[in-house]
């Protein structure tokens, strides 16, 4: 069992930056693919970014490519989402997720992830 706790959300003006953190419990963090998803009011939860254990294989939604960066520190059991050039349409609750057996799983679908955090609100004002 893995518990995930997000932090770092808040209110920021358009063009600003935020860094989200997701702290994981458990000794097997380094073996999980970690992902970030978001859900805006009235919309479905959508993929944002994912990072496999080797920290080399990174995946991004087209809407955030070039603005967001996912990274991880396995020694701290933490995954990060650096968000730059934020836009009002980035406003959402951001969720951290962990995926076991990533080598036989899809990367972009929320149904492929096994553990979820409670979410952190990001609000971007225009």
Protein backbone atom coordinates (compact mmCIF):
# COMPACT_ATOMS: atom_id res chain seq x y z
CA UNK A 1 0.00 0.00 0.00
CA UNK A 2 1.24 3.48 -0.88
CA UNK A 3 -0.02 6.73 0.55
CA UNK A 4 0.45 9.91 -1.43
CA UNK A 5 0.22 13.44 -0.07
CA UNK A 6 0.33 16.45 -2.40
CA UNK A 7 1.32 19.97 -1.41
CA UNK A 8 2.32 23.24 -3.02
CA UNK A 9 -0.93 24.32 -4.59
CA UNK A 10 -2.24 27.85 -4.30
CA UNK A 11 -3.33 31.00 -6.07
CA UNK A 12 -1.03 32.50 -8.68
CA UNK A 13 -1.36 35.08 -11.42
CA UNK A 14 -1.20 34.12 -15.06
CA UNK A 15 2.39 33.80 -16.17
CA UNK A 16 3.53 32.77 -12.72
CA UNK A 17 4.99 29.54 -11.42
CA UNK A 18 4.26 26.91 -8.81
CA UNK A 19 5.95 23.72 -7.74
CA UNK A 20 3.82 20.85 -6.56
CA UNK A 21 5.22 18.09 -4.39
CA UNK A 22 3.91 14.61 -3.72
CA UNK A 23 5.36 12.68 -0.80
CA UNK A 24 4.94 8.92 -0.85
CA UNK A 25 5.05 6.41 1.95
CA UNK A 26 6.51 2.96 1.55
CA UNK A 27 9.83 1.46 0.58
CA UNK A 28 9.05 0.75 -3.06
CA UNK A 29 8.57 4.30 -4.31
CA UNK A 30 11.56 4.04 -6.62
CA UNK A 31 9.90 1.17 -8.52
CA UNK A 32 6.71 3.06 -9.38
CA UNK A 33 5.87 5.14 -12.37
CA UNK A 34 4.57 8.43 -10.95
CA UNK A 35 1.98 10.60 -12.62
CA UNK A 36 0.20 13.90 -12.22
CA UNK A 37 -3.40 14.38 -13.26
CA UNK A 38 -5.77 17.31 -12.90
CA UNK A 39 -9.47 17.90 -12.75
CA UNK A 40 -11.14 21.21 -13.46
CA UNK A 41 -14.70 21.94 -12.29
CA UNK A 42 -17.22 20.14 -14.46
CA UNK A 43 -14.54 18.27 -16.39
CA UNK A 44 -13.08 14.80 -16.30
CA UNK A 45 -9.76 14.11 -14.67
CA UNK A 46 -7.01 14.35 -17.27
CA UNK A 47 -3.41 13.30 -17.65
CA UNK A 48 -0.76 15.96 -17.11
CA UNK A 49 2.62 14.24 -16.82
CA UNK A 50 4.30 10.98 -15.89
CA UNK A 51 7.79 9.84 -15.02
CA UNK A 52 9.06 6.30 -14.97
CA UNK A 53 11.46 5.07 -12.29
CA UNK A 54 14.56 5.74 -14.39
CA UNK A 55 13.70 9.47 -14.50
CA UNK A 56 14.55 9.43 -18.20
CA UNK A 57 11.20 8.46 -19.66
CA UNK A 58 8.99 11.52 -19.26
CA UNK A 59 5.52 12.01 -20.72
CA UNK A 60 3.47 15.20 -20.98
CA UNK A 61 0.07 16.28 -22.16
CA UNK A 62 0.31 18.53 -25.19
CA UNK A 63 -1.35 21.34 -23.24
CA UNK A 64 1.54 21.53 -20.73
CA UNK A 65 4.51 20.48 -22.84
CA UNK A 66 7.30 23.02 -22.60
CA UNK A 67 5.79 24.66 -19.50
CA UNK A 68 5.64 21.85 -16.93
CA UNK A 69 8.43 19.56 -15.78
CA UNK A 70 8.04 16.39 -13.75
CA UNK A 71 10.90 15.12 -11.62
CA UNK A 72 11.48 12.79 -8.71
CA UNK A 73 13.82 12.32 -5.79
CA UNK A 74 13.80 8.65 -4.87
CA UNK A 75 15.85 9.27 -1.75
CA UNK A 76 13.06 11.52 -0.48
CA UNK A 77 10.19 9.44 -1.88
CA UNK A 78 8.93 12.57 -3.58
CA UNK A 79 7.78 13.52 -7.05
CA UNK A 80 7.52 17.13 -8.20
CA UNK A 81 5.67 19.07 -10.84
CA UNK A 82 7.28 22.37 -11.76
CA UNK A 83 4.71 24.56 -13.47
CA UNK A 84 5.78 27.68 -15.34
CA UNK A 85 3.97 30.19 -17.54
CA UNK A 86 0.72 29.25 -15.88
CA UNK A 87 -2.54 30.02 -17.62
CA UNK A 88 -6.08 30.38 -16.26
CA UNK A 89 -6.96 27.13 -18.01
CA UNK A 90 -4.46 25.33 -15.77
CA UNK A 91 -6.81 25.95 -12.85
CA UNK A 92 -7.74 22.56 -11.40
CA UNK A 93 -7.24 20.16 -8.55
CA UNK A 94 -3.96 18.38 -9.19
CA UNK A 95 -3.58 14.75 -8.18
CA UNK A 96 -0.51 12.63 -7.76
CA UNK A 97 -0.73 8.95 -8.73
CA UNK A 98 1.48 5.88 -8.54
CA UNK A 99 1.58 2.94 -10.89
CA UNK A 100 2.93 -0.53 -10.24
CA UNK A 101 4.21 -2.80 -13.01
CA UNK A 102 4.55 0.17 -15.34
CA UNK A 103 6.27 -1.89 -18.03
CA UNK A 104 2.99 -3.62 -18.90
CA UNK A 105 0.66 -0.67 -18.24
CA UNK A 106 -0.48 2.34 -20.16
CA UNK A 107 0.85 5.73 -19.15
CA UNK A 108 -1.90 8.22 -19.97
CA UNK A 109 -5.08 6.69 -18.57
CA UNK A 110 -6.05 7.30 -14.97
CA UNK A 111 -7.40 3.74 -14.85
CA UNK A 112 -3.84 2.46 -15.14
CA UNK A 113 -2.79 4.00 -11.83
CA UNK A 114 -3.12 2.18 -8.54
CA UNK A 115 -2.73 4.80 -5.82
CA UNK A 116 -3.92 8.39 -5.59
CA UNK A 117 -3.38 11.39 -3.38
CA UNK A 118 -6.13 13.66 -2.11
CA UNK A 119 -5.31 16.48 -4.50
CA UNK A 120 -4.13 20.06 -4.19
CA UNK A 121 -5.91 23.09 -5.64
CA UNK A 122 -4.16 25.28 -8.19
CA UNK A 123 -5.90 28.50 -9.17
CA UNK A 124 -4.51 30.77 -11.86
CA UNK A 125 -6.01 34.23 -12.06
CA UNK A 126 -6.05 36.29 -15.25
